[in-house]
Amino acid sequence: MGMQHDGLHADHIQSALSGSAAAQSALIASWRRSMRLYGLNPGEGTLPSVLTDRELKEARERLGSLIHTAQASLDRLYSAVGGAGCCVLLADKDGVPVDRRGSASDDETFYRMGLWTGAVWSEESEGTNGIGTALAEQRALTIHRDQHFRSRNIALSCTVAPIFDHRGRLMAAIDVSSARWDLTEDFVKLISVAVVDAARRVEAENFRLAFPKARIVLAQRAEVALNERAMHALIAVDEDDLVVGASRSARHLLGLTDEALSKPLPASDLLDQHTSVERDYATAERGAIQRALAHTEGNVTAAATDLGISRATLHRKLKRLGLS
């Protein structure tokens, strides 16, 4: 890119920051952070700084099992967008890509632009960009061409969705980037849907793995419409029907905090499925007896042994519960 274009882009940013639209625009708010909070220069042409091999290894280790957990979703996403000249990146919460998918024919272009593992794409380092700004604002977004803060990045279109861990904390982000000038706005919208879907899949799998012994339940409440957030509101329920975990969406939907989750919290209360304690006990007892009978193929003596009660006691319970 020539010096003239660099200057025009820098002038465009300066003009926008001094205009009246600044208060209403999330993009201009990010430009303001880039220039005034981080002291960055839009015309500066240096590439993103890059971690050493050891630093990148440590960054990958900090993400733990998430890189492995994300593999299938990254592969699926790349199979959808790779043919259109896009690369797929998994970045940590500091804006550093730690895993990548891309076509060998596009590798040189993306490497030259810094869209590679180990490059630092935090907003603090690179100004407004897909990865850094999505992490700074903790929301899915696209930074398209000249929406980037740095002049040298305006050939890029980057669509990103953050990933939150099993306690609702920011953990990572998935990015799809393209340097093609013929990338249409409609195709960017399709990419956005795919990126958000991939991030939610990774979150759900990570949540399930965080509570391996729990039952994972969609946190639906009768009065709450099944919107985008509610579709990903997951809670983990233990064998006593107590909530032991909640995803970020569930925490927002149900008003849950770490403090609330640190105390015994019946799932039925949380989901407004109120029943009496007496009925809960009867239901649990009935279920236990039916499972024991199914396990022993209807042999009452064997079922009583499994339940740790006498045959006569089991017969009395069967009669009381109306079970033949």
C-alpha atoms as a PDB file:
ATOM      1  CA  MET A   1       0.000   0.000   0.000  1.00  0.00           C
ATOM      2  CA  GLY A   2       1.326   3.413  -0.898  1.00  0.00           C
ATOM      3  CA  MET A   3       2.099   6.311   1.425  1.00  0.00           C
ATOM      4  CA  GLN A   4      -0.797   8.291  -0.057  1.00  0.00           C
ATOM      5  CA  HIS A   5      -3.323   5.616   0.932  1.00  0.00           C
ATOM      6  CA  ASP A   6      -1.766   5.398   4.399  1.00  0.00           C
ATOM      7  CA  GLY A   7      -2.194   9.140   4.831  1.00  0.00           C
ATOM      8  CA  LEU A   8      -5.782   9.115   3.584  1.00  0.00           C
ATOM      9  CA  HIS A   9      -6.739   6.351   6.019  1.00  0.00           C
ATOM     10  CA  ALA A  10      -5.062   8.168   8.941  1.00  0.00           C
ATOM     11  CA  ASP A  11      -6.857  11.400   7.966  1.00  0.00           C
ATOM     12  CA  HIS A  12     -10.160   9.505   7.791  1.00  0.00           C
ATOM     13  CA  ILE A  13      -9.672   8.206  11.354  1.00  0.00           C
ATOM     14  CA  GLN A  14      -8.661  11.639  12.684  1.00  0.00           C
ATOM     15  CA  SER A  15     -11.710  13.211  11.066  1.00  0.00           C
ATOM     16  CA  ALA A  16     -14.033  10.566  12.500  1.00  0.00           C
ATOM     17  CA  LEU A  17     -12.611  11.024  15.999  1.00  0.00           C
ATOM     18  CA  SER A  18     -13.263  14.737  15.913  1.00  0.00           C
ATOM     19  CA  GLY A  19     -16.793  14.354  14.510  1.00  0.00           C
ATOM     20  CA  SER A  20     -20.075  14.196  16.394  1.00  0.00           C
ATOM     21  CA  ALA A  21     -20.717  10.531  15.557  1.00  0.00           C
ATOM     22  CA  ALA A  22     -17.988   9.343  17.917  1.00  0.00           C
ATOM     23  CA  ALA A  23     -20.308   8.830  20.882  1.00  0.00           C
ATOM     24  CA  GLN A  24     -22.722   6.623  18.927  1.00  0.00           C
ATOM     25  CA  SER A  25     -20.284   4.355  17.095  1.00  0.00           C
ATOM     26  CA  ALA A  26     -18.647   1.284  18.642  1.00  0.00           C
ATOM     27  CA  LEU A  27     -16.113   1.320  15.800  1.00  0.00           C
ATOM     28  CA  ILE A  28     -15.069   4.916  16.461  1.00  0.00           C
ATOM     29  CA  ALA A  29     -14.894   4.143  20.186  1.00  0.00           C
ATOM     30  CA  SER A  30     -12.360   1.446  19.315  1.00  0.00           C
ATOM     31  CA  TRP A  31     -10.412   3.851  17.080  1.00  0.00           C
ATOM     32  CA  ARG A  32     -10.352   6.311  19.989  1.00  0.00           C
ATOM     33  CA  ARG A  33      -8.994   3.641  22.351  1.00  0.00           C
ATOM     34  CA  SER A  34      -6.368   2.750  19.750  1.00  0.00           C
ATOM     35  CA  MET A  35      -5.124   6.302  19.330  1.00  0.00           C
ATOM     36  CA  ARG A  36      -5.668   7.936  22.715  1.00  0.00           C
ATOM     37  CA  LEU A  37      -5.535   5.084  25.218  1.00  0.00           C
ATOM     38  CA  TYR A  38      -2.857   2.972  23.538  1.00  0.00           C
ATOM     39  CA  GLY A  39      -1.023   5.777  21.722  1.00  0.00           C
ATOM     40  CA  LEU A  40      -0.932   3.944  18.382  1.00  0.00           C
ATOM     41  CA  ASN A  41      -0.323   5.507  14.971  1.00  0.00           C
ATOM     42  CA  PRO A  42      -2.625   4.344  12.127  1.00  0.00           C
ATOM     43  CA  GLY A  43       0.075   4.961   9.527  1.00  0.00           C
ATOM     44  CA  GLU A  44       2.783   2.911  11.246  1.00  0.00           C
ATOM     45  CA  GLY A  45       3.757   0.070   8.901  1.00  0.00           C
ATOM     46  CA  THR A  46       5.434  -2.468  11.177  1.00  0.00           C
ATOM     47  CA  LEU A  47       3.982  -5.968  11.378  1.00  0.00           C
ATOM     48  CA  PRO A  48       2.465  -7.327  14.602  1.00  0.00           C
ATOM     49  CA  SER A  49       5.029  -8.401  17.169  1.00  0.00           C
ATOM     50  CA  VAL A  50       5.519 -12.177  17.339  1.00  0.00           C
ATOM     51  CA  LEU A  51       6.034 -14.411  20.374  1.00  0.00           C
ATOM     52  CA  THR A  52       9.129 -16.569  20.635  1.00  0.00           C
ATOM     53  CA  ASP A  53       8.646 -20.325  20.188  1.00  0.00           C
ATOM     54  CA  ARG A  54       8.852 -20.747  23.960  1.00  0.00           C
ATOM     55  CA  GLU A  55       6.300 -17.976  24.620  1.00  0.00           C
ATOM     56  CA  LEU A  56       3.915 -19.510  22.056  1.00  0.00           C
ATOM     57  CA  LYS A  57       4.326 -22.938  23.691  1.00  0.00           C
ATOM     58  CA  GLU A  58       3.480 -21.393  27.072  1.00  0.00           C
ATOM     59  CA  ALA A  59       0.434 -19.616  25.590  1.00  0.00           C
ATOM     60  CA  ARG A  60      -0.812 -22.932  24.198  1.00  0.00           C
ATOM     61  CA  GLU A  61      -0.253 -24.629  27.551  1.00  0.00           C
ATOM     62  CA  ARG A  62      -2.270 -21.930  29.336  1.00  0.00           C
ATOM     63  CA  LEU A  63      -5.276 -22.783  27.151  1.00  0.00           C
ATOM     64  CA  GLY A  64      -5.022 -26.369  28.343  1.00  0.00           C
ATOM     65  CA  SER A  65      -7.355 -28.825  26.639  1.00  0.00           C
ATOM     66  CA  LEU A  66      -9.291 -26.154  24.713  1.00  0.00           C
ATOM     67  CA  ILE A  67      -7.056 -26.425  21.633  1.00  0.00           C
ATOM     68  CA  HIS A  68      -7.835 -30.139  21.397  1.00  0.00           C
ATOM     69  CA  THR A  69     -11.522 -29.553  22.191  1.00  0.00           C
ATOM     70  CA  ALA A  70     -11.774 -26.990  19.361  1.00  0.00           C
ATOM     71  CA  GLN A  71     -10.200 -29.178  16.654  1.00  0.00           C
ATOM     72  CA  ALA A  72     -13.412 -30.583  15.152  1.00  0.00           C
ATOM     73  CA  SER A  73     -15.148 -27.176  15.115  1.00  0.00           C
ATOM     74  CA  LEU A  74     -12.135 -25.474  13.495  1.00  0.00           C
ATOM     75  CA  ASP A  75     -11.943 -28.224  10.864  1.00  0.00           C
ATOM     76  CA  ARG A  76     -15.675 -27.901  10.113  1.00  0.00           C
ATOM     77  CA  LEU A  77     -15.412 -24.125   9.874  1.00  0.00           C
ATOM     78  CA  TYR A  78     -12.382 -24.260   7.581  1.00  0.00           C
ATOM     79  CA  SER A  79     -14.098 -26.777   5.284  1.00  0.00           C
ATOM     80  CA  ALA A  80     -16.877 -24.180   4.850  1.00  0.00           C
ATOM     81  CA  VAL A  81     -14.735 -21.080   4.222  1.00  0.00           C
ATOM     82  CA  GLY A  82     -11.274 -22.283   3.191  1.00  0.00           C
ATOM     83  CA  GLY A  83     -12.197 -22.606  -0.476  1.00  0.00           C
ATOM     84  CA  ALA A  84     -13.081 -18.899  -0.553  1.00  0.00           C
ATOM     85  CA  GLY A  85      -9.532 -17.879   0.368  1.00  0.00           C
ATOM     86  CA  CYS A  86     -10.086 -17.528   4.114  1.00  0.00           C
ATOM     87  CA  CYS A  87      -7.922 -18.706   6.986  1.00  0.00           C
ATOM     88  CA  VAL A  88      -9.215 -19.809  10.401  1.00  0.00           C
ATOM     89  CA  LEU A  89      -7.462 -18.867  13.635  1.00  0.00           C
ATOM     90  CA  LEU A  90      -7.971 -19.838  17.268  1.00  0.00           C
ATOM     91  CA  ALA A  91      -6.585 -17.024  19.452  1.00  0.00           C
ATOM     92  CA  ASP A  92      -6.112 -16.910  23.213  1.00  0.00           C
ATOM     93  CA  LYS A  93      -7.621 -14.165  25.397  1.00  0.00           C
ATOM     94  CA  ASP A  94      -4.488 -12.037  24.827  1.00  0.00           C
ATOM     95  CA  GLY A  95      -5.140 -11.951  21.078  1.00  0.00           C
ATOM     96  CA  VAL A  96      -2.428 -14.435  20.086  1.00  0.00           C
ATOM     97  CA  PRO A  97      -3.373 -17.105  17.502  1.00  0.00           C
ATOM     98  CA  VAL A  98      -2.328 -20.507  18.877  1.00  0.00           C
ATOM     99  CA  ASP A  99      -3.837 -22.712  16.152  1.00  0.00           C
ATOM    100  CA  ARG A 100      -4.548 -22.125  12.477  1.00  0.00           C
ATOM    101  CA  ARG A 101      -6.156 -23.537   9.324  1.00  0.00           C
ATOM    102  CA  GLY A 102      -5.271 -22.231   5.876  1.00  0.00           C
ATOM    103  CA  SER A 103      -4.599 -23.191   2.276  1.00  0.00           C
ATOM    104  CA  ALA A 104      -0.922 -23.614   1.322  1.00  0.00           C
ATOM    105  CA  SER A 105      -1.556 -21.375  -1.692  1.00  0.00           C
ATOM    106  CA  ASP A 106      -2.609 -18.499   0.617  1.00  0.00           C
ATOM    107  CA  ASP A 107       0.004 -19.076   3.340  1.00  0.00           C
ATOM    108  CA  GLU A 108       2.546 -16.576   2.003  1.00  0.00           C
ATOM    109  CA  THR A 109      -0.045 -13.786   1.859  1.00  0.00           C
ATOM    110  CA  PHE A 110      -1.340 -14.387   5.371  1.00  0.00           C
ATOM    111  CA  TYR A 111       2.140 -14.876   6.832  1.00  0.00           C
ATOM    112  CA  ARG A 112       3.203 -11.559   5.317  1.00  0.00           C
ATOM    113  CA  MET A 113       0.207  -9.859   6.926  1.00  0.00           C
ATOM    114  CA  GLY A 114       0.855 -11.418  10.338  1.00  0.00           C
ATOM    115  CA  LEU A 115      -2.177 -13.724  10.351  1.00  0.00           C
ATOM    116  CA  TRP A 116      -0.139 -16.541  11.821  1.00  0.00           C
ATOM    117  CA  THR A 117       0.339 -18.390  15.092  1.00  0.00           C
ATOM    118  CA  GLY A 118       2.297 -16.383  17.646  1.00  0.00           C
ATOM    119  CA  ALA A 119       1.461 -12.924  16.257  1.00  0.00           C
ATOM    120  CA  VAL A 120       0.026 -10.477  18.808  1.00  0.00           C
ATOM    121  CA  TRP A 121      -3.338  -9.099  17.635  1.00  0.00           C
ATOM    122  CA  SER A 122      -4.536  -7.517  20.884  1.00  0.00           C
ATOM    123  CA  GLU A 123      -6.273  -4.169  20.419  1.00  0.00           C
ATOM    124  CA  GLU A 124      -3.620  -2.611  22.648  1.00  0.00           C
ATOM    125  CA  SER A 125      -0.903  -3.730  20.221  1.00  0.00           C
ATOM    126  CA  GLU A 126      -2.611  -3.445  16.833  1.00  0.00           C
ATOM    127  CA  GLY A 127      -5.503  -1.073  17.358  1.00  0.00           C
ATOM    128  CA  THR A 128      -8.935  -1.887  15.960  1.00  0.00           C
ATOM    129  CA  ASN A 129      -8.859  -5.373  14.423  1.00  0.00           C
ATOM    130  CA  GLY A 130     -11.127  -8.406  14.451  1.00  0.00           C
ATOM    131  CA  ILE A 131      -9.426 -10.496  17.120  1.00  0.00           C
ATOM    132  CA  GLY A 132      -8.332  -7.679  19.424  1.00  0.00           C
ATOM    133  CA  THR A 133     -11.573  -5.710  19.312  1.00  0.00           C
ATOM    134  CA  ALA A 134     -13.819  -8.773  19.708  1.00  0.00           C
ATOM    135  CA  LEU A 135     -11.821  -9.671  22.826  1.00  0.00           C
ATOM    136  CA  ALA A 136     -11.832  -6.084  24.145  1.00  0.00           C
ATOM    137  CA  GLU A 137     -15.614  -5.810  23.712  1.00  0.00           C
ATOM    138  CA  GLN A 138     -16.356  -9.486  24.469  1.00  0.00           C
ATOM    139  CA  ARG A 139     -18.744  -9.842  21.539  1.00  0.00           C
ATOM    140  CA  ALA A 140     -18.860 -11.270  18.022  1.00  0.00           C
ATOM    141  CA  LEU A 141     -18.047  -8.729  15.298  1.00  0.00           C
ATOM    142  CA  THR A 142     -16.530  -8.126  11.874  1.00  0.00           C
ATOM    143  CA  ILE A 143     -13.808  -5.557  11.191  1.00  0.00           C
ATOM    144  CA  HIS A 144     -14.035  -5.078   7.443  1.00  0.00           C
ATOM    145  CA  ARG A 145     -11.171  -3.536   5.458  1.00  0.00           C
ATOM    146  CA  ASP A 146     -10.839   0.193   6.253  1.00  0.00           C
ATOM    147  CA  GLN A 147     -12.550  -0.297   9.611  1.00  0.00           C
ATOM    148  CA  HIS A 148      -9.120  -1.536  10.767  1.00  0.00           C
ATOM    149  CA  PHE A 149      -7.109   1.067  12.662  1.00  0.00           C
ATOM    150  CA  ARG A 150      -3.770   0.449  10.975  1.00  0.00           C
ATOM    151  CA  SER A 151      -3.495   1.407   7.304  1.00  0.00           C
ATOM    152  CA  ARG A 152      -1.534  -1.745   6.472  1.00  0.00           C
ATOM    153  CA  ASN A 153      -4.457  -3.951   7.596  1.00  0.00           C
ATOM    154  CA  ILE A 154      -7.195  -2.437   5.407  1.00  0.00           C
ATOM    155  CA  ALA A 155      -6.949  -5.231   2.832  1.00  0.00           C
ATOM    156  CA  LEU A 156      -8.288  -7.620   5.483  1.00  0.00           C
ATOM    157  CA  SER A 157     -11.782  -8.611   6.491  1.00  0.00           C
ATOM    158  CA  CYS A 158     -11.864 -10.368   9.879  1.00  0.00           C
ATOM    159  CA  THR A 159     -14.903 -11.964  11.525  1.00  0.00           C
ATOM    160  CA  VAL A 160     -14.488 -13.085  15.133  1.00  0.00           C
ATOM    161  CA  ALA A 161     -16.507 -14.619  17.982  1.00  0.00           C
ATOM    162  CA  PRO A 162     -15.235 -14.883  21.580  1.00  0.00           C
ATOM    163  CA  ILE A 163     -15.243 -18.166  23.511  1.00  0.00           C
ATOM    164  CA  PHE A 164     -16.139 -18.185  27.219  1.00  0.00           C
ATOM    165  CA  ASP A 165     -15.108 -20.920  29.648  1.00  0.00           C
ATOM    166  CA  HIS A 166     -17.357 -23.060  31.877  1.00  0.00           C
ATOM    167  CA  ARG A 167     -17.553 -20.245  34.462  1.00  0.00           C
ATOM    168  CA  GLY A 168     -18.438 -17.568  31.900  1.00  0.00           C
ATOM    169  CA  ARG A 169     -14.977 -15.981  31.727  1.00  0.00           C
ATOM    170  CA  LEU A 170     -13.369 -14.868  28.469  1.00  0.00           C
ATOM    171  CA  MET A 171     -11.071 -17.636  27.288  1.00  0.00           C
ATOM    172  CA  ALA A 172     -10.315 -17.386  23.558  1.00  0.00           C
ATOM    173  CA  ALA A 173     -11.705 -16.362  20.159  1.00  0.00           C
ATOM    174  CA  ILE A 174     -12.262 -17.880  16.724  1.00  0.00           C
ATOM    175  CA  ASP A 175     -11.379 -15.727  13.703  1.00  0.00           C
ATOM    176  CA  VAL A 176     -11.993 -16.102   9.982  1.00  0.00           C
ATOM    177  CA  SER A 177      -9.883 -13.681   7.934  1.00  0.00           C
ATOM    178  CA  SER A 178      -9.787 -12.941   4.222  1.00  0.00           C
ATOM    179  CA  ALA A 179      -7.619 -10.678   2.069  1.00  0.00           C
ATOM    180  CA  ARG A 180      -9.801 -10.992  -1.051  1.00  0.00           C
ATOM    181  CA  TRP A 181     -11.129  -7.739  -2.483  1.00  0.00           C
ATOM    182  CA  ASP A 182     -14.100  -9.547  -4.052  1.00  0.00           C
ATOM    183  CA  LEU A 183     -15.453 -10.668  -0.664  1.00  0.00           C
ATOM    184  CA  THR A 184     -19.095  -9.535  -0.676  1.00  0.00           C
ATOM    185  CA  GLU A 185     -21.021  -8.209   2.297  1.00  0.00           C
ATOM    186  CA  ASP A 186     -23.505 -11.075   2.010  1.00  0.00           C
ATOM    187  CA  PHE A 187     -20.733 -13.644   2.180  1.00  0.00           C
ATOM    188  CA  VAL A 188     -19.310 -11.898   5.256  1.00  0.00           C
ATOM    189  CA  LYS A 189     -22.730 -12.321   6.909  1.00  0.00           C
ATOM    190  CA  LEU A 190     -22.638 -16.057   6.170  1.00  0.00           C
ATOM    191  CA  ILE A 191     -19.112 -16.254   7.606  1.00  0.00           C
ATOM    192  CA  SER A 192     -20.343 -14.489  10.746  1.00  0.00           C
ATOM    193  CA  VAL A 193     -23.074 -17.092  11.323  1.00  0.00           C
ATOM    194  CA  ALA A 194     -20.552 -19.910  10.860  1.00  0.00           C
ATOM    195  CA  VAL A 195     -17.975 -18.332  13.196  1.00  0.00           C
ATOM    196  CA  VAL A 196     -20.497 -17.749  16.003  1.00  0.00           C
ATOM    197  CA  ASP A 197     -21.816 -21.298  15.592  1.00  0.00           C
ATOM    198  CA  ALA A 198     -18.267 -22.710  15.821  1.00  0.00           C
ATOM    199  CA  ALA A 199     -17.534 -20.685  18.978  1.00  0.00           C
ATOM    200  CA  ARG A 200     -20.763 -21.865  20.647  1.00  0.00           C
ATOM    201  CA  ARG A 201     -19.988 -25.503  19.744  1.00  0.00           C
ATOM    202  CA  VAL A 202     -16.540 -25.204  21.335  1.00  0.00           C
ATOM    203  CA  GLU A 203     -18.055 -23.604  24.447  1.00  0.00           C
ATOM    204  CA  ALA A 204     -20.663 -26.365  24.787  1.00  0.00           C
ATOM    205  CA  GLU A 205     -18.087 -29.154  24.417  1.00  0.00           C
ATOM    206  CA  ASN A 206     -15.716 -27.428  26.858  1.00  0.00           C
ATOM    207  CA  PHE A 207     -18.598 -27.035  29.348  1.00  0.00           C
ATOM    208  CA  ARG A 208     -19.510 -30.715  29.060  1.00  0.00           C
ATOM    209  CA  LEU A 209     -15.899 -31.773  29.639  1.00  0.00           C
ATOM    210  CA  ALA A 210     -15.643 -29.487  32.706  1.00  0.00           C
ATOM    211  CA  PHE A 211     -18.473 -31.431  34.408  1.00  0.00           C
ATOM    212  CA  PRO A 212     -17.901 -35.038  33.256  1.00  0.00           C
ATOM    213  CA  LYS A 213     -20.125 -36.633  35.931  1.00  0.00           C
ATOM    214  CA  ALA A 214     -22.992 -34.144  35.666  1.00  0.00           C
ATOM    215  CA  ARG A 215     -26.100 -34.098  33.511  1.00  0.00           C
ATOM    216  CA  ILE A 216     -25.994 -31.153  31.067  1.00  0.00           C
ATOM    217  CA  VAL A 217     -29.375 -29.448  30.748  1.00  0.00           C
ATOM    218  CA  LEU A 218     -30.643 -26.597  28.564  1.00  0.00           C
ATOM    219  CA  ALA A 219     -31.733 -23.929  31.058  1.00  0.00           C
ATOM    220  CA  GLN A 220     -35.221 -23.235  29.731  1.00  0.00           C
ATOM    221  CA  ARG A 221     -37.857 -21.325  31.671  1.00  0.00           C
ATOM    222  CA  ALA A 222     -41.464 -21.080  30.615  1.00  0.00           C
ATOM    223  CA  GLU A 223     -41.543 -17.271  30.589  1.00  0.00           C
ATOM    224  CA  VAL A 224     -38.311 -16.890  28.577  1.00  0.00           C
ATOM    225  CA  ALA A 225     -38.516 -17.122  24.787  1.00  0.00           C
ATOM    226  CA  LEU A 226     -35.973 -19.475  23.200  1.00  0.00           C
ATOM    227  CA  ASN A 227     -33.771 -16.746  21.709  1.00  0.00           C
ATOM    228  CA  GLU A 228     -30.125 -17.002  20.619  1.00  0.00           C
ATOM    229  CA  ARG A 229     -28.820 -16.645  24.181  1.00  0.00           C
ATOM    230  CA  ALA A 230     -31.314 -19.113  25.663  1.00  0.00           C
ATOM    231  CA  MET A 231     -30.345 -21.736  23.063  1.00  0.00           C
ATOM    232  CA  HIS A 232     -26.841 -21.857  24.577  1.00  0.00           C
ATOM    233  CA  ALA A 233     -27.818 -21.516  28.255  1.00  0.00           C
ATOM    234  CA  LEU A 234     -26.442 -24.717  29.765  1.00  0.00           C
ATOM    235  CA  ILE A 235     -26.438 -25.855  33.379  1.00  0.00           C
ATOM    236  CA  ALA A 236     -24.672 -28.863  34.907  1.00  0.00           C
ATOM    237  CA  VAL A 237     -26.775 -30.872  37.372  1.00  0.00           C
ATOM    238  CA  ASP A 238     -25.369 -33.521  39.729  1.00  0.00           C
ATOM    239  CA  GLU A 239     -26.962 -36.804  40.809  1.00  0.00           C
ATOM    240  CA  ASP A 240     -28.802 -35.019  43.644  1.00  0.00           C
ATOM    241  CA  ASP A 241     -30.425 -32.616  41.149  1.00  0.00           C
ATOM    242  CA  LEU A 242     -28.263 -29.730  42.422  1.00  0.00           C
ATOM    243  CA  VAL A 243     -26.786 -27.212  39.980  1.00  0.00           C
ATOM    244  CA  VAL A 244     -22.980 -27.419  39.990  1.00  0.00           C
ATOM    245  CA  GLY A 245     -22.224 -25.229  36.954  1.00  0.00           C
ATOM    246  CA  ALA A 246     -23.707 -22.732  34.509  1.00  0.00           C
ATOM    247  CA  SER A 247     -22.512 -21.392  31.165  1.00  0.00           C
ATOM    248  CA  ARG A 248     -22.188 -17.658  30.507  1.00  0.00           C
ATOM    249  CA  SER A 249     -25.529 -17.581  28.688  1.00  0.00           C
ATOM    250  CA  ALA A 250     -27.220 -19.419  31.581  1.00  0.00           C
ATOM    251  CA  ARG A 251     -25.695 -17.011  34.095  1.00  0.00           C
ATOM    252  CA  HIS A 252     -27.096 -14.025  32.180  1.00  0.00           C
ATOM    253  CA  LEU A 253     -30.463 -15.676  31.598  1.00  0.00           C
ATOM    254  CA  LEU A 254     -30.983 -16.851  35.190  1.00  0.00           C
ATOM    255  CA  GLY A 255     -29.036 -14.157  37.067  1.00  0.00           C
ATOM    256  CA  LEU A 256     -26.473 -16.594  38.456  1.00  0.00           C
ATOM    257  CA  THR A 257     -23.132 -15.683  40.019  1.00  0.00           C
ATOM    258  CA  ASP A 258     -20.191 -17.728  41.333  1.00  0.00           C
ATOM    259  CA  GLU A 259     -21.488 -17.007  44.841  1.00  0.00           C
ATOM    260  CA  ALA A 260     -24.967 -18.339  44.044  1.00  0.00           C
ATOM    261  CA  LEU A 261     -23.477 -21.470  42.495  1.00  0.00           C
ATOM    262  CA  SER A 262     -21.258 -22.095  45.531  1.00  0.00           C
ATOM    263  CA  LYS A 263     -24.362 -22.971  47.592  1.00  0.00           C
ATOM    264  CA  PRO A 264     -26.720 -25.954  47.123  1.00  0.00           C
ATOM    265  CA  LEU A 265     -29.145 -24.904  44.390  1.00  0.00           C
ATOM    266  CA  PRO A 266     -31.900 -27.354  43.319  1.00  0.00           C
ATOM    267  CA  ALA A 267     -32.300 -27.386  39.529  1.00  0.00           C
ATOM    268  CA  SER A 268     -36.089 -27.553  39.889  1.00  0.00           C
ATOM    269  CA  ASP A 269     -36.084 -24.253  41.840  1.00  0.00           C
ATOM    270  CA  LEU A 270     -33.820 -22.584  39.294  1.00  0.00           C
ATOM    271  CA  LEU A 271     -35.966 -23.678  36.367  1.00  0.00           C
ATOM    272  CA  ASP A 272     -39.261 -22.890  38.147  1.00  0.00           C
ATOM    273  CA  GLN A 273     -40.243 -26.575  38.210  1.00  0.00           C
ATOM    274  CA  HIS A 274     -41.483 -26.335  41.786  1.00  0.00           C
ATOM    275  CA  THR A 275     -42.778 -29.529  43.395  1.00  0.00           C
ATOM    276  CA  SER A 276     -43.202 -30.487  47.038  1.00  0.00           C
ATOM    277  CA  VAL A 277     -40.331 -32.222  48.839  1.00  0.00           C
ATOM    278  CA  GLU A 278     -42.704 -35.102  49.573  1.00  0.00           C
ATOM    279  CA  ARG A 279     -43.519 -35.548  45.890  1.00  0.00           C
ATOM    280  CA  ASP A 280     -39.823 -35.270  44.945  1.00  0.00           C
ATOM    281  CA  TYR A 281     -39.011 -38.056  47.413  1.00  0.00           C
ATOM    282  CA  ALA A 282     -41.835 -40.261  46.118  1.00  0.00           C
ATOM    283  CA  THR A 283     -40.717 -39.711  42.531  1.00  0.00           C
ATOM    284  CA  ALA A 284     -37.110 -40.548  43.390  1.00  0.00           C
ATOM    285  CA  GLU A 285     -38.170 -43.686  45.307  1.00  0.00           C
ATOM    286  CA  ARG A 286     -40.446 -44.833  42.498  1.00  0.00           C
ATOM    287  CA  GLY A 287     -37.662 -44.316  39.942  1.00  0.00           C
ATOM    288  CA  ALA A 288     -35.119 -46.236  42.028  1.00  0.00           C
ATOM    289  CA  ILE A 289     -37.487 -49.200  42.431  1.00  0.00           C
ATOM    290  CA  GLN A 290     -38.390 -49.279  38.731  1.00  0.00           C
ATOM    291  CA  ARG A 291     -34.705 -49.186  37.736  1.00  0.00           C
ATOM    292  CA  ALA A 292     -33.923 -52.038  40.152  1.00  0.00           C
ATOM    293  CA  LEU A 293     -36.790 -54.144  38.739  1.00  0.00           C
ATOM    294  CA  ALA A 294     -35.710 -53.417  35.175  1.00  0.00           C
ATOM    295  CA  HIS A 295     -32.127 -54.372  36.040  1.00  0.00           C
ATOM    296  CA  THR A 296     -33.249 -57.720  37.503  1.00  0.00           C
ATOM    297  CA  GLU A 297     -35.872 -58.330  34.782  1.00  0.00           C
ATOM    298  CA  GLY A 298     -38.725 -58.187  37.308  1.00  0.00           C
ATOM    299  CA  ASN A 299     -37.187 -60.476  39.931  1.00  0.00           C
ATOM    300  CA  VAL A 300     -38.473 -58.952  43.191  1.00  0.00           C
ATOM    301  CA  THR A 301     -36.049 -60.846  45.441  1.00  0.00           C
ATOM    302  CA  ALA A 302     -33.013 -59.762  43.406  1.00  0.00           C
ATOM    303  CA  ALA A 303     -34.320 -56.155  43.151  1.00  0.00           C
ATOM    304  CA  ALA A 304     -34.759 -56.014  46.951  1.00  0.00           C
ATOM    305  CA  THR A 305     -31.172 -57.205  47.391  1.00  0.00           C
ATOM    306  CA  ASP A 306     -29.936 -54.509  44.976  1.00  0.00           C
ATOM    307  CA  LEU A 307     -31.883 -51.856  46.922  1.00  0.00           C
ATOM    308  CA  GLY A 308     -30.608 -53.111  50.303  1.00  0.00           C
ATOM    309  CA  ILE A 309     -34.101 -53.808  51.683  1.00  0.00           C
ATOM    310  CA  SER A 310     -36.067 -56.973  52.502  1.00  0.00           C
ATOM    311  CA  ARG A 311     -38.388 -58.658  50.000  1.00  0.00           C
ATOM    312  CA  ALA A 312     -41.371 -57.923  52.276  1.00  0.00           C
ATOM    313  CA  THR A 313     -40.454 -54.206  52.461  1.00  0.00           C
ATOM    314  CA  LEU A 314     -40.183 -54.013  48.695  1.00  0.00           C
ATOM    315  CA  HIS A 315     -43.604 -55.661  48.313  1.00  0.00           C
ATOM    316  CA  ARG A 316     -45.117 -53.064  50.680  1.00  0.00           C
ATOM    317  CA  LYS A 317     -43.518 -50.237  48.683  1.00  0.00           C
ATOM    318  CA  LEU A 318     -44.747 -51.705  45.385  1.00  0.00           C
ATOM    319  CA  LYS A 319     -48.289 -51.804  46.767  1.00  0.00           C
ATOM    320  CA  ARG A 320     -48.096 -48.262  48.185  1.00  0.00           C
ATOM    321  CA  LEU A 321     -46.733 -46.837  44.906  1.00  0.00           C
ATOM    322  CA  GLY A 322     -49.240 -48.748  42.793  1.00  0.00           C
ATOM    323  CA  LEU A 323     -46.544 -50.744  40.998  1.00  0.00           C
ATOM    324  CA  SER A 324     -47.390 -54.313  40.051  1.00  0.00           C
END
